[in-house]
């Protein structure tokens, strides 16, 4: 029972740290992306309901509803500013978001694997639901970044409420399977059980401390970036407004919206 107490305490510390990491500092900056974005090295696509509405190639070619727009030199310059503004902000945001959650999921897996040789299938399935919820909002591949339409000022709610709740549900819902797995693991191993329990408890303590350090660092990064995102997105909104005045067709797909 002493081992279970230490292990559950370590798990609780991990989950608490994950929630702590996810809480971003509130800023007076209510920014919303009204459309999804897919970004690759050469192309930016503004998407709506799975369809590409606006496409920018190589930061200077503009297509609206699939039609190429003949741009003046001045218009090309504003398109380039708009494209680069997106590239300077969104990929880093997606990186931070996905890295943070993946770190939290890895922490849970480490806790469970520290107690048993295998991860219960029910826990693996539940964590896949968490990953799916994340990918609906943020997704990163080898050659692209994706962000869904959402309020960027409420990203913390997404992590602290939706993702955190799904993680807790995954762990509590599979707790029985974890305990059964632990029992099987102890039966299958040779040697002094008390020594094995003590060794495993020490490993769990070390893992929890390392996770705490990593998650705290992630929290500091996100808090520090929050104000930068606000400034960049406000600037991006100004550039987009200029582009809409020059190319009226862009007004139909207003990407960055600053709420008053």
C-alpha atoms as a PDB file:
ATOM      1  CA  UNK A   1       0.000   0.000   0.000  1.00  0.00           C
ATOM      2  CA  UNK A   2       2.927   2.345   0.638  1.00  0.00           C
ATOM      3  CA  UNK A   3       3.953   1.953  -2.994  1.00  0.00           C
ATOM      4  CA  UNK A   4       0.433   2.687  -4.238  1.00  0.00           C
ATOM      5  CA  UNK A   5       0.315   5.834  -2.080  1.00  0.00           C
ATOM      6  CA  UNK A   6       3.624   7.091  -3.468  1.00  0.00           C
ATOM      7  CA  UNK A   7       2.635   6.224  -7.027  1.00  0.00           C
ATOM      8  CA  UNK A   8      -0.764   7.867  -6.824  1.00  0.00           C
ATOM      9  CA  UNK A   9       0.852  10.916  -5.216  1.00  0.00           C
ATOM     10  CA  UNK A  10       3.369  11.077  -8.069  1.00  0.00           C
ATOM     11  CA  UNK A  11       0.550  10.803 -10.586  1.00  0.00           C
ATOM     12  CA  UNK A  12      -1.380  13.544  -8.803  1.00  0.00           C
ATOM     13  CA  UNK A  13       1.686  15.803  -8.913  1.00  0.00           C
ATOM     14  CA  UNK A  14       2.009  15.125 -12.637  1.00  0.00           C
ATOM     15  CA  UNK A  15      -1.630  15.986 -13.360  1.00  0.00           C
ATOM     16  CA  UNK A  16      -1.419  19.083 -11.157  1.00  0.00           C
ATOM     17  CA  UNK A  17       1.688  20.214 -12.996  1.00  0.00           C
ATOM     18  CA  UNK A  18       0.039  19.648 -16.353  1.00  0.00           C
ATOM     19  CA  UNK A  19      -2.899  21.834 -15.343  1.00  0.00           C
ATOM     20  CA  UNK A  20      -0.465  24.450 -14.043  1.00  0.00           C
ATOM     21  CA  UNK A  21       1.387  24.502 -17.345  1.00  0.00           C
ATOM     22  CA  UNK A  22      -1.840  24.940 -19.273  1.00  0.00           C
ATOM     23  CA  UNK A  23      -3.000  28.083 -17.494  1.00  0.00           C
ATOM     24  CA  UNK A  24      -1.945  31.032 -19.622  1.00  0.00           C
ATOM     25  CA  UNK A  25      -1.788  34.495 -18.212  1.00  0.00           C
ATOM     26  CA  UNK A  26      -4.944  36.445 -19.068  1.00  0.00           C
ATOM     27  CA  UNK A  27      -4.280  39.342 -21.407  1.00  0.00           C
ATOM     28  CA  UNK A  28      -6.488  42.210 -22.474  1.00  0.00           C
ATOM     29  CA  UNK A  29      -6.469  40.923 -26.035  1.00  0.00           C
ATOM     30  CA  UNK A  30      -9.539  39.186 -27.417  1.00  0.00           C
ATOM     31  CA  UNK A  31      -8.386  37.781 -30.767  1.00  0.00           C
ATOM     32  CA  UNK A  32     -10.322  35.290 -32.858  1.00  0.00           C
ATOM     33  CA  UNK A  33      -9.425  33.348 -35.986  1.00  0.00           C
ATOM     34  CA  UNK A  34     -12.640  33.030 -37.964  1.00  0.00           C
ATOM     35  CA  UNK A  35     -11.214  30.493 -40.413  1.00  0.00           C
ATOM     36  CA  UNK A  36      -8.773  27.604 -40.286  1.00  0.00           C
ATOM     37  CA  UNK A  37      -5.212  27.923 -41.500  1.00  0.00           C
ATOM     38  CA  UNK A  38      -2.910  25.393 -43.149  1.00  0.00           C
ATOM     39  CA  UNK A  39       0.693  26.521 -43.523  1.00  0.00           C
ATOM     40  CA  UNK A  40       3.476  24.821 -45.478  1.00  0.00           C
ATOM     41  CA  UNK A  41       6.874  26.096 -46.614  1.00  0.00           C
ATOM     42  CA  UNK A  42       5.457  27.537 -49.846  1.00  0.00           C
ATOM     43  CA  UNK A  43       1.715  27.883 -49.330  1.00  0.00           C
ATOM     44  CA  UNK A  44      -0.747  29.412 -46.876  1.00  0.00           C
ATOM     45  CA  UNK A  45      -4.355  28.304 -47.166  1.00  0.00           C
ATOM     46  CA  UNK A  46      -7.316  29.923 -45.418  1.00  0.00           C
ATOM     47  CA  UNK A  47      -9.926  27.173 -45.174  1.00  0.00           C
ATOM     48  CA  UNK A  48     -13.619  27.060 -44.344  1.00  0.00           C
ATOM     49  CA  UNK A  49     -15.549  23.797 -43.883  1.00  0.00           C
ATOM     50  CA  UNK A  50     -12.718  21.839 -45.452  1.00  0.00           C
ATOM     51  CA  UNK A  51     -12.526  24.050 -48.538  1.00  0.00           C
ATOM     52  CA  UNK A  52      -9.645  26.373 -49.457  1.00  0.00           C
ATOM     53  CA  UNK A  53     -11.051  29.884 -49.806  1.00  0.00           C
ATOM     54  CA  UNK A  54      -7.848  31.923 -50.006  1.00  0.00           C
ATOM     55  CA  UNK A  55      -4.409  30.695 -51.020  1.00  0.00           C
ATOM     56  CA  UNK A  56      -1.086  32.533 -50.951  1.00  0.00           C
ATOM     57  CA  UNK A  57       1.823  30.968 -52.824  1.00  0.00           C
ATOM     58  CA  UNK A  58       5.424  31.906 -52.025  1.00  0.00           C
ATOM     59  CA  UNK A  59       4.232  34.943 -50.037  1.00  0.00           C
ATOM     60  CA  UNK A  60       3.306  36.879 -53.202  1.00  0.00           C
ATOM     61  CA  UNK A  61       0.715  35.041 -55.347  1.00  0.00           C
ATOM     62  CA  UNK A  62      -2.912  35.422 -54.247  1.00  0.00           C
ATOM     63  CA  UNK A  63      -5.854  33.176 -55.164  1.00  0.00           C
ATOM     64  CA  UNK A  64      -9.416  33.817 -53.952  1.00  0.00           C
ATOM     65  CA  UNK A  65     -11.982  31.024 -54.462  1.00  0.00           C
ATOM     66  CA  UNK A  66      -9.474  29.367 -56.779  1.00  0.00           C
ATOM     67  CA  UNK A  67      -9.018  32.404 -59.030  1.00  0.00           C
ATOM     68  CA  UNK A  68      -5.664  34.122 -59.402  1.00  0.00           C
ATOM     69  CA  UNK A  69      -5.669  37.823 -58.478  1.00  0.00           C
ATOM     70  CA  UNK A  70      -3.482  40.118 -60.576  1.00  0.00           C
ATOM     71  CA  UNK A  71      -1.721  42.303 -58.013  1.00  0.00           C
ATOM     72  CA  UNK A  72      -0.037  45.669 -58.345  1.00  0.00           C
ATOM     73  CA  UNK A  73       3.443  46.038 -56.805  1.00  0.00           C
ATOM     74  CA  UNK A  74       1.938  47.787 -53.770  1.00  0.00           C
ATOM     75  CA  UNK A  75      -0.708  45.086 -53.331  1.00  0.00           C
ATOM     76  CA  UNK A  76       1.954  42.380 -53.646  1.00  0.00           C
ATOM     77  CA  UNK A  77       3.899  44.040 -50.837  1.00  0.00           C
ATOM     78  CA  UNK A  78       0.877  43.985 -48.516  1.00  0.00           C
ATOM     79  CA  UNK A  79       0.153  40.337 -49.402  1.00  0.00           C
ATOM     80  CA  UNK A  80       3.755  39.535 -48.486  1.00  0.00           C
ATOM     81  CA  UNK A  81       3.416  41.371 -45.159  1.00  0.00           C
ATOM     82  CA  UNK A  82       0.176  39.496 -44.405  1.00  0.00           C
ATOM     83  CA  UNK A  83       1.695  36.132 -45.319  1.00  0.00           C
ATOM     84  CA  UNK A  84       4.838  36.679 -43.280  1.00  0.00           C
ATOM     85  CA  UNK A  85       2.791  37.906 -40.333  1.00  0.00           C
ATOM     86  CA  UNK A  86       0.904  34.615 -40.330  1.00  0.00           C
ATOM     87  CA  UNK A  87       4.136  32.634 -40.584  1.00  0.00           C
ATOM     88  CA  UNK A  88       5.714  34.545 -37.696  1.00  0.00           C
ATOM     89  CA  UNK A  89       2.833  33.795 -35.352  1.00  0.00           C
ATOM     90  CA  UNK A  90       0.826  30.662 -36.094  1.00  0.00           C
ATOM     91  CA  UNK A  91       3.477  27.904 -36.474  1.00  0.00           C
ATOM     92  CA  UNK A  92       5.077  28.815 -33.150  1.00  0.00           C
ATOM     93  CA  UNK A  93       1.677  28.826 -31.467  1.00  0.00           C
ATOM     94  CA  UNK A  94       0.900  25.369 -32.862  1.00  0.00           C
ATOM     95  CA  UNK A  95       4.348  24.141 -31.801  1.00  0.00           C
ATOM     96  CA  UNK A  96       3.895  25.298 -28.222  1.00  0.00           C
ATOM     97  CA  UNK A  97       0.370  23.927 -27.985  1.00  0.00           C
ATOM     98  CA  UNK A  98       1.151  20.466 -29.341  1.00  0.00           C
ATOM     99  CA  UNK A  99       4.465  20.123 -27.510  1.00  0.00           C
ATOM    100  CA  UNK A 100       2.793  20.963 -24.226  1.00  0.00           C
ATOM    101  CA  UNK A 101       0.011  18.409 -24.492  1.00  0.00           C
ATOM    102  CA  UNK A 102       2.272  15.694 -25.861  1.00  0.00           C
ATOM    103  CA  UNK A 103       4.534  16.268 -22.881  1.00  0.00           C
ATOM    104  CA  UNK A 104       1.587  15.858 -20.540  1.00  0.00           C
ATOM    105  CA  UNK A 105       0.484  12.633 -22.233  1.00  0.00           C
ATOM    106  CA  UNK A 106       4.031  11.278 -22.147  1.00  0.00           C
ATOM    107  CA  UNK A 107       4.158  12.058 -18.442  1.00  0.00           C
ATOM    108  CA  UNK A 108       1.077   9.936 -17.806  1.00  0.00           C
ATOM    109  CA  UNK A 109       2.492   7.067 -19.842  1.00  0.00           C
ATOM    110  CA  UNK A 110       5.758   7.273 -17.924  1.00  0.00           C
ATOM    111  CA  UNK A 111       3.905   7.083 -14.624  1.00  0.00           C
ATOM    112  CA  UNK A 112       1.979   3.994 -15.707  1.00  0.00           C
ATOM    113  CA  UNK A 113       4.967   2.296 -17.347  1.00  0.00           C
ATOM    114  CA  UNK A 114       6.943   2.913 -14.159  1.00  0.00           C
ATOM    115  CA  UNK A 115       4.417   0.753 -12.326  1.00  0.00           C
ATOM    116  CA  UNK A 116       3.920  -1.941 -14.932  1.00  0.00           C
ATOM    117  CA  UNK A 117       5.619  -3.465 -17.976  1.00  0.00           C
ATOM    118  CA  UNK A 118       2.710  -2.563 -20.228  1.00  0.00           C
ATOM    119  CA  UNK A 119       0.205   0.206 -20.633  1.00  0.00           C
ATOM    120  CA  UNK A 120      -3.424  -0.943 -20.164  1.00  0.00           C
ATOM    121  CA  UNK A 121      -5.281  -0.900 -23.493  1.00  0.00           C
ATOM    122  CA  UNK A 122      -8.170   1.080 -22.026  1.00  0.00           C
ATOM    123  CA  UNK A 123      -5.807   3.898 -21.004  1.00  0.00           C
ATOM    124  CA  UNK A 124      -4.181   3.922 -24.445  1.00  0.00           C
ATOM    125  CA  UNK A 125      -7.615   4.248 -26.071  1.00  0.00           C
ATOM    126  CA  UNK A 126      -8.644   7.076 -23.752  1.00  0.00           C
ATOM    127  CA  UNK A 127      -5.415   8.997 -24.399  1.00  0.00           C
ATOM    128  CA  UNK A 128      -6.053   8.677 -28.127  1.00  0.00           C
ATOM    129  CA  UNK A 129      -9.298  10.602 -27.548  1.00  0.00           C
ATOM    130  CA  UNK A 130      -7.234  13.353 -25.910  1.00  0.00           C
ATOM    131  CA  UNK A 131      -4.873  13.483 -28.884  1.00  0.00           C
ATOM    132  CA  UNK A 132      -7.841  13.649 -31.262  1.00  0.00           C
ATOM    133  CA  UNK A 133      -9.344  16.593 -29.398  1.00  0.00           C
ATOM    134  CA  UNK A 134      -5.998  18.365 -29.644  1.00  0.00           C
ATOM    135  CA  UNK A 135      -5.674  17.709 -33.385  1.00  0.00           C
ATOM    136  CA  UNK A 136      -9.133  19.187 -33.968  1.00  0.00           C
ATOM    137  CA  UNK A 137      -7.657  22.503 -32.775  1.00  0.00           C
ATOM    138  CA  UNK A 138      -3.932  22.223 -33.500  1.00  0.00           C
ATOM    139  CA  UNK A 139      -2.057  19.838 -35.745  1.00  0.00           C
ATOM    140  CA  UNK A 140       1.547  19.650 -36.855  1.00  0.00           C
ATOM    141  CA  UNK A 141       3.021  17.343 -39.477  1.00  0.00           C
ATOM    142  CA  UNK A 142       6.445  16.948 -41.028  1.00  0.00           C
ATOM    143  CA  UNK A 143       5.719  19.692 -43.544  1.00  0.00           C
ATOM    144  CA  UNK A 144       2.652  21.597 -42.350  1.00  0.00           C
ATOM    145  CA  UNK A 145       0.941  23.398 -39.463  1.00  0.00           C
ATOM    146  CA  UNK A 146      -2.817  23.553 -38.912  1.00  0.00           C
ATOM    147  CA  UNK A 147      -4.887  25.732 -36.587  1.00  0.00           C
ATOM    148  CA  UNK A 148      -8.684  25.610 -36.459  1.00  0.00           C
ATOM    149  CA  UNK A 149     -11.042  28.599 -36.182  1.00  0.00           C
ATOM    150  CA  UNK A 150     -11.065  29.596 -32.506  1.00  0.00           C
ATOM    151  CA  UNK A 151     -10.704  32.362 -29.982  1.00  0.00           C
ATOM    152  CA  UNK A 152      -6.994  32.648 -29.238  1.00  0.00           C
ATOM    153  CA  UNK A 153      -7.759  34.499 -26.019  1.00  0.00           C
ATOM    154  CA  UNK A 154      -9.465  31.346 -24.712  1.00  0.00           C
ATOM    155  CA  UNK A 155      -6.743  28.837 -25.500  1.00  0.00           C
ATOM    156  CA  UNK A 156      -6.177  28.425 -21.767  1.00  0.00           C
ATOM    157  CA  UNK A 157      -9.802  27.290 -21.349  1.00  0.00           C
ATOM    158  CA  UNK A 158      -9.248  24.640 -24.004  1.00  0.00           C
ATOM    159  CA  UNK A 159      -6.262  23.243 -22.103  1.00  0.00           C
ATOM    160  CA  UNK A 160      -7.369  23.700 -18.494  1.00  0.00           C
ATOM    161  CA  UNK A 161     -10.956  22.573 -19.064  1.00  0.00           C
ATOM    162  CA  UNK A 162     -11.415  20.377 -22.122  1.00  0.00           C
ATOM    163  CA  UNK A 163      -7.989  18.708 -22.391  1.00  0.00           C
ATOM    164  CA  UNK A 164      -7.402  18.487 -18.638  1.00  0.00           C
ATOM    165  CA  UNK A 165     -10.860  17.001 -18.094  1.00  0.00           C
ATOM    166  CA  UNK A 166     -10.306  14.414 -20.823  1.00  0.00           C
ATOM    167  CA  UNK A 167      -6.970  13.417 -19.274  1.00  0.00           C
ATOM    168  CA  UNK A 168      -8.472  13.010 -15.815  1.00  0.00           C
ATOM    169  CA  UNK A 169     -11.352  10.990 -17.278  1.00  0.00           C
ATOM    170  CA  UNK A 170      -8.876   8.774 -19.114  1.00  0.00           C
ATOM    171  CA  UNK A 171      -6.885   8.060 -15.971  1.00  0.00           C
ATOM    172  CA  UNK A 172      -9.832   7.568 -13.607  1.00  0.00           C
ATOM    173  CA  UNK A 173     -11.732   5.525 -16.186  1.00  0.00           C
ATOM    174  CA  UNK A 174      -8.839   3.117 -16.599  1.00  0.00           C
ATOM    175  CA  UNK A 175      -7.677   2.990 -12.971  1.00  0.00           C
ATOM    176  CA  UNK A 176      -9.114  -0.489 -12.461  1.00  0.00           C
ATOM    177  CA  UNK A 177      -7.227  -1.845 -15.464  1.00  0.00           C
ATOM    178  CA  UNK A 178      -4.028  -0.217 -14.194  1.00  0.00           C
ATOM    179  CA  UNK A 179      -4.362  -1.914 -10.799  1.00  0.00           C
ATOM    180  CA  UNK A 180      -5.044  -5.297 -12.437  1.00  0.00           C
ATOM    181  CA  UNK A 181      -1.990  -4.773 -14.644  1.00  0.00           C
ATOM    182  CA  UNK A 182       0.095  -3.987 -11.560  1.00  0.00           C
ATOM    183  CA  UNK A 183      -1.079  -7.154  -9.836  1.00  0.00           C
ATOM    184  CA  UNK A 184      -0.147  -9.261 -12.849  1.00  0.00           C
ATOM    185  CA  UNK A 185       3.243  -7.561 -13.037  1.00  0.00           C
ATOM    186  CA  UNK A 186       4.080  -8.364  -9.420  1.00  0.00           C
ATOM    187  CA  UNK A 187       3.036 -11.990  -9.831  1.00  0.00           C
ATOM    188  CA  UNK A 188       5.221 -12.452 -12.906  1.00  0.00           C
ATOM    189  CA  UNK A 189       8.429 -11.079 -11.404  1.00  0.00           C
ATOM    190  CA  UNK A 190      10.970 -12.797  -9.198  1.00  0.00           C
ATOM    191  CA  UNK A 191      12.957 -11.374  -6.295  1.00  0.00           C
ATOM    192  CA  UNK A 192      12.076  -9.431  -3.171  1.00  0.00           C
ATOM    193  CA  UNK A 193       8.717  -7.690  -3.685  1.00  0.00           C
ATOM    194  CA  UNK A 194       9.431  -5.031  -1.043  1.00  0.00           C
ATOM    195  CA  UNK A 195      12.702  -4.054  -2.745  1.00  0.00           C
ATOM    196  CA  UNK A 196      10.978  -3.853  -6.115  1.00  0.00           C
ATOM    197  CA  UNK A 197       8.230  -1.640  -4.647  1.00  0.00           C
ATOM    198  CA  UNK A 198      10.741   0.692  -3.004  1.00  0.00           C
ATOM    199  CA  UNK A 199      12.819   0.911  -6.187  1.00  0.00           C
ATOM    200  CA  UNK A 200       9.735   1.663  -8.263  1.00  0.00           C
ATOM    201  CA  UNK A 201       8.609   4.308  -5.778  1.00  0.00           C
ATOM    202  CA  UNK A 202      12.002   6.050  -6.014  1.00  0.00           C
ATOM    203  CA  UNK A 203      11.848   5.965  -9.807  1.00  0.00           C
ATOM    204  CA  UNK A 204       8.382   7.513  -9.706  1.00  0.00           C
ATOM    205  CA  UNK A 205       9.619  10.321  -7.450  1.00  0.00           C
ATOM    206  CA  UNK A 206      12.484  11.112  -9.858  1.00  0.00           C
ATOM    207  CA  UNK A 207      10.203  11.039 -12.896  1.00  0.00           C
ATOM    208  CA  UNK A 208       7.675  13.324 -11.186  1.00  0.00           C
ATOM    209  CA  UNK A 209      10.345  15.886 -10.297  1.00  0.00           C
ATOM    210  CA  UNK A 210      11.679  15.928 -13.852  1.00  0.00           C
ATOM    211  CA  UNK A 211       8.169  16.291 -15.235  1.00  0.00           C
ATOM    212  CA  UNK A 212       7.528  19.174 -12.835  1.00  0.00           C
ATOM    213  CA  UNK A 213      10.616  20.987 -14.120  1.00  0.00           C
ATOM    214  CA  UNK A 214       9.680  20.449 -17.777  1.00  0.00           C
ATOM    215  CA  UNK A 215       6.069  21.542 -17.320  1.00  0.00           C
ATOM    216  CA  UNK A 216       7.056  24.613 -15.311  1.00  0.00           C
ATOM    217  CA  UNK A 217       9.413  25.652 -18.086  1.00  0.00           C
ATOM    218  CA  UNK A 218       6.623  25.143 -20.615  1.00  0.00           C
ATOM    219  CA  UNK A 219       4.262  27.291 -18.520  1.00  0.00           C
ATOM    220  CA  UNK A 220       6.803  30.114 -18.440  1.00  0.00           C
ATOM    221  CA  UNK A 221       7.260  29.918 -22.228  1.00  0.00           C
ATOM    222  CA  UNK A 222       3.527  30.116 -22.858  1.00  0.00           C
ATOM    223  CA  UNK A 223       3.019  33.014 -20.455  1.00  0.00           C
ATOM    224  CA  UNK A 224       5.900  34.913 -22.009  1.00  0.00           C
ATOM    225  CA  UNK A 225       4.560  34.347 -25.520  1.00  0.00           C
ATOM    226  CA  UNK A 226       0.984  35.364 -24.689  1.00  0.00           C
ATOM    227  CA  UNK A 227       1.640  39.111 -24.922  1.00  0.00           C
ATOM    228  CA  UNK A 228       3.768  38.652 -28.051  1.00  0.00           C
ATOM    229  CA  UNK A 229       0.929  36.843 -29.791  1.00  0.00           C
ATOM    230  CA  UNK A 230      -1.375  39.691 -28.888  1.00  0.00           C
ATOM    231  CA  UNK A 231       0.915  42.325 -30.403  1.00  0.00           C
ATOM    232  CA  UNK A 232       1.620  40.269 -33.535  1.00  0.00           C
ATOM    233  CA  UNK A 233      -2.036  39.458 -34.155  1.00  0.00           C
ATOM    234  CA  UNK A 234      -3.092  43.058 -33.699  1.00  0.00           C
ATOM    235  CA  UNK A 235      -0.472  44.048 -36.254  1.00  0.00           C
ATOM    236  CA  UNK A 236      -1.648  41.232 -38.542  1.00  0.00           C
ATOM    237  CA  UNK A 237      -5.227  42.508 -38.290  1.00  0.00           C
ATOM    238  CA  UNK A 238      -4.101  45.983 -39.404  1.00  0.00           C
ATOM    239  CA  UNK A 239      -2.275  44.484 -42.405  1.00  0.00           C
ATOM    240  CA  UNK A 240      -5.302  42.370 -43.283  1.00  0.00           C
ATOM    241  CA  UNK A 241      -7.550  45.448 -43.189  1.00  0.00           C
ATOM    242  CA  UNK A 242      -5.227  47.220 -45.644  1.00  0.00           C
ATOM    243  CA  UNK A 243      -5.300  44.189 -47.925  1.00  0.00           C
ATOM    244  CA  UNK A 244      -9.106  44.065 -47.806  1.00  0.00           C
ATOM    245  CA  UNK A 245      -9.281  47.688 -48.901  1.00  0.00           C
ATOM    246  CA  UNK A 246      -6.982  46.962 -51.845  1.00  0.00           C
ATOM    247  CA  UNK A 247      -8.510  43.572 -52.749  1.00  0.00           C
ATOM    248  CA  UNK A 248     -12.210  43.651 -51.757  1.00  0.00           C
ATOM    249  CA  UNK A 249     -12.618  39.898 -52.292  1.00  0.00           C
ATOM    250  CA  UNK A 250     -10.495  39.321 -49.177  1.00  0.00           C
ATOM    251  CA  UNK A 251     -13.219  40.900 -47.021  1.00  0.00           C
ATOM    252  CA  UNK A 252     -15.381  37.798 -47.512  1.00  0.00           C
ATOM    253  CA  UNK A 253     -12.848  35.750 -45.564  1.00  0.00           C
ATOM    254  CA  UNK A 254     -11.866  37.999 -42.689  1.00  0.00           C
ATOM    255  CA  UNK A 255      -9.303  35.874 -40.855  1.00  0.00           C
ATOM    256  CA  UNK A 256      -8.198  37.901 -37.814  1.00  0.00           C
ATOM    257  CA  UNK A 257     -10.912  39.519 -35.740  1.00  0.00           C
ATOM    258  CA  UNK A 258     -10.144  41.702 -32.738  1.00  0.00           C
ATOM    259  CA  UNK A 259     -13.098  41.736 -30.348  1.00  0.00           C
ATOM    260  CA  UNK A 260     -13.763  44.899 -28.375  1.00  0.00           C
END
